[in-house]
C-alpha atoms as a PDB file:
ATOM      1  CA  MET A   1      88.617 100.617  81.140  1.00  0.00           C
ATOM      2  CA  THR A   2      90.278  97.292  80.786  1.00  0.00           C
ATOM      3  CA  LEU A   3      91.083  98.239  77.607  1.00  0.00           C
ATOM      4  CA  VAL A   4      92.582 101.369  78.745  1.00  0.00           C
ATOM      5  CA  PHE A   5      94.641  99.244  81.567  1.00  0.00           C
ATOM      6  CA  LEU A   6      95.425  97.020  79.104  1.00  0.00           C
ATOM      7  CA  GLY A   7      97.020  99.473  76.975  1.00  0.00           C
ATOM      8  CA  LEU A   8      99.002 101.412  79.887  1.00  0.00           C
ATOM      9  CA  PHE A   9     100.174  97.630  80.641  1.00  0.00           C
ATOM     10  CA  ILE A  10     101.732  97.086  77.088  1.00  0.00           C
ATOM     11  CA  ILE A  11     103.157 100.549  77.579  1.00  0.00           C
ATOM     12  CA  LEU A  12     105.079  99.673  80.760  1.00  0.00           C
ATOM     13  CA  LEU A  13     106.293  96.874  79.188  1.00  0.00           C
ATOM     14  CA  ILE A  14     107.613  98.515  75.932  1.00  0.00           C
ATOM     15  CA  LEU A  15     109.330 101.028  78.953  1.00  0.00           C
ATOM     16  CA  VAL A  16     110.896  97.712  80.662  1.00  0.00           C
ATOM     17  CA  VAL A  17     112.340  96.498  77.403  1.00  0.00           C
ATOM     18  CA  ILE A  18     113.969  99.511  76.558  1.00  0.00           C
ATOM     19  CA  ALA A  19     115.193 100.781  79.959  1.00  0.00           C
ATOM     20  CA  SER A  20     116.607  97.067  80.008  1.00  0.00           C
ATOM     21  CA  LEU A  21     118.466  97.246  76.377  1.00  0.00           C
ATOM     22  CA  ARG A  22     120.033 100.594  77.484  1.00  0.00           C
ATOM     23  CA  ARG A  23     120.668 103.181  80.809  1.00  0.00           C
ATOM     24  CA  PRO A  24     117.421 104.053  81.335  1.00  0.00           C
ATOM     25  CA  ASN A  25     117.556 108.061  82.310  1.00  0.00           C
ATOM     26  CA  LYS A  26     115.134 109.364  85.656  1.00  0.00           C
ATOM     27  CA  LEU A  27     112.216 110.227  83.545  1.00  0.00           C
ATOM     28  CA  ILE A  28     111.904 106.459  81.896  1.00  0.00           C
ATOM     29  CA  LYS A  29     112.342 104.903  85.592  1.00  0.00           C
ATOM     30  CA  LEU A  30     109.823 107.723  86.500  1.00  0.00           C
ATOM     31  CA  PHE A  31     107.135 106.342  84.049  1.00  0.00           C
ATOM     32  CA  ILE A  32     107.799 102.736  84.356  1.00  0.00           C
ATOM     33  CA  HIS A  33     107.194 103.629  88.372  1.00  0.00           C
ATOM     34  CA  VAL A  34     103.980 105.311  87.722  1.00  0.00           C
ATOM     35  CA  LEU A  35     102.757 102.970  85.098  1.00  0.00           C
ATOM     36  CA  GLY A  36     103.759  99.981  87.599  1.00  0.00           C
ATOM     37  CA  GLY A  37     101.506 100.825  90.369  1.00  0.00           C
ATOM     38  CA  VAL A  38      98.334 101.837  88.400  1.00  0.00           C
ATOM     39  CA  VAL A  39      98.808  98.705  86.268  1.00  0.00           C
ATOM     40  CA  GLY A  40      99.543  96.552  89.381  1.00  0.00           C
ATOM     41  CA  LEU A  41      96.088  98.810  90.966  1.00  0.00           C
ATOM     42  CA  TRP A  42      94.327  96.941  87.967  1.00  0.00           C
ATOM     43  CA  LEU A  43      96.144  93.818  88.284  1.00  0.00           C
ATOM     44  CA  VAL A  44      95.361  93.108  91.995  1.00  0.00           C
ATOM     45  CA  ASP A  45      91.578  94.505  91.617  1.00  0.00           C
ATOM     46  CA  LEU A  46      91.200  91.728  88.712  1.00  0.00           C
ATOM     47  CA  LEU A  47      92.180  88.771  91.042  1.00  0.00           C
ATOM     48  CA  LEU A  48      90.728  90.252  94.312  1.00  0.00           C
ATOM     49  CA  SER A  49      87.283  90.049  92.240  1.00  0.00           C
ATOM     50  CA  VAL A  50      87.690  86.505  92.116  1.00  0.00           C
ATOM     51  CA  PHE A  51      86.931  86.700  96.462  1.00  0.00           C
ATOM     52  CA  ALA A  52      84.688  89.294  95.652  1.00  0.00           C
ATOM     53  CA  VAL A  53      86.665  91.613  97.478  1.00  0.00           C
ATOM     54  CA  GLU A  54      87.424  94.811  95.745  1.00  0.00           C
ATOM     55  CA  ILE A  55      89.399  98.070  95.308  1.00  0.00           C
ATOM     56  CA  PRO A  56      87.484 101.378  94.364  1.00  0.00           C
ATOM     57  CA  ILE A  57      89.106 102.525  91.289  1.00  0.00           C
ATOM     58  CA  ASN A  58      88.623 106.278  91.389  1.00  0.00           C
ATOM     59  CA  ALA A  59      90.836 109.118  91.217  1.00  0.00           C
ATOM     60  CA  PHE A  60      92.159 109.399  94.693  1.00  0.00           C
ATOM     61  CA  THR A  61      93.182 105.572  94.510  1.00  0.00           C
ATOM     62  CA  ILE A  62      94.853 105.853  91.048  1.00  0.00           C
ATOM     63  CA  ALA A  63      96.832 109.434  92.035  1.00  0.00           C
ATOM     64  CA  LEU A  64      97.751 107.419  95.480  1.00  0.00           C
ATOM     65  CA  VAL A  65      99.361 104.121  93.697  1.00  0.00           C
ATOM     66  CA  ALA A  66     100.867 106.970  90.979  1.00  0.00           C
ATOM     67  CA  LEU A  67     102.985 108.189  93.785  1.00  0.00           C
ATOM     68  CA  LEU A  68     103.982 105.337  96.120  1.00  0.00           C
ATOM     69  CA  GLY A  69     103.910 102.648  92.828  1.00  0.00           C
ATOM     70  CA  PHE A  70     103.231  98.828  93.954  1.00  0.00           C
ATOM     71  CA  PRO A  71     103.598  99.335  97.352  1.00  0.00           C
ATOM     72  CA  GLY A  72     100.500 101.944  97.444  1.00  0.00           C
ATOM     73  CA  VAL A  73      98.620  98.921  96.044  1.00  0.00           C
ATOM     74  CA  VAL A  74      99.533  97.050  98.799  1.00  0.00           C
ATOM     75  CA  VAL A  75      98.907  99.147 100.636  1.00  0.00           C
ATOM     76  CA  LEU A  76      95.529  99.366  99.703  1.00  0.00           C
ATOM     77  CA  THR A  77      94.966  95.787  99.640  1.00  0.00           C
ATOM     78  CA  VAL A  78      95.603  95.060 103.193  1.00  0.00           C
ATOM     79  CA  LEU A  79      93.176  98.345 104.177  1.00  0.00           C
ATOM     80  CA  GLN A  80      90.222  96.752 101.773  1.00  0.00           C
ATOM     81  CA  LEU A  81      90.991  93.320 103.470  1.00  0.00           C
ATOM     82  CA  MET A  82      90.622  95.056 106.784  1.00  0.00           C
ATOM     83  CA  GLY A  83      87.389  96.923 106.069  1.00  0.00           C
ATOM     84  CA  ILE A  84      88.894 100.563 106.076  1.00  0.00           C
END
């Protein structure tokens, strides 16, 4: 699973470089938004595992952060820390 997220992170970096070198179209912006949320979920889950708190990564959480982007990751983190 880590290799999948690492591959998504590399794709995200490539898309960000492409978007910074030329004017990005709406599809590239959408992919950056979705991948930023999914990769952000993985990174926050990795960092929270140090404190024995984890966000369950399943189809619902991935779909939620894909729609909301990185703010969705923040919401999931706060809900997990509150115990909800």
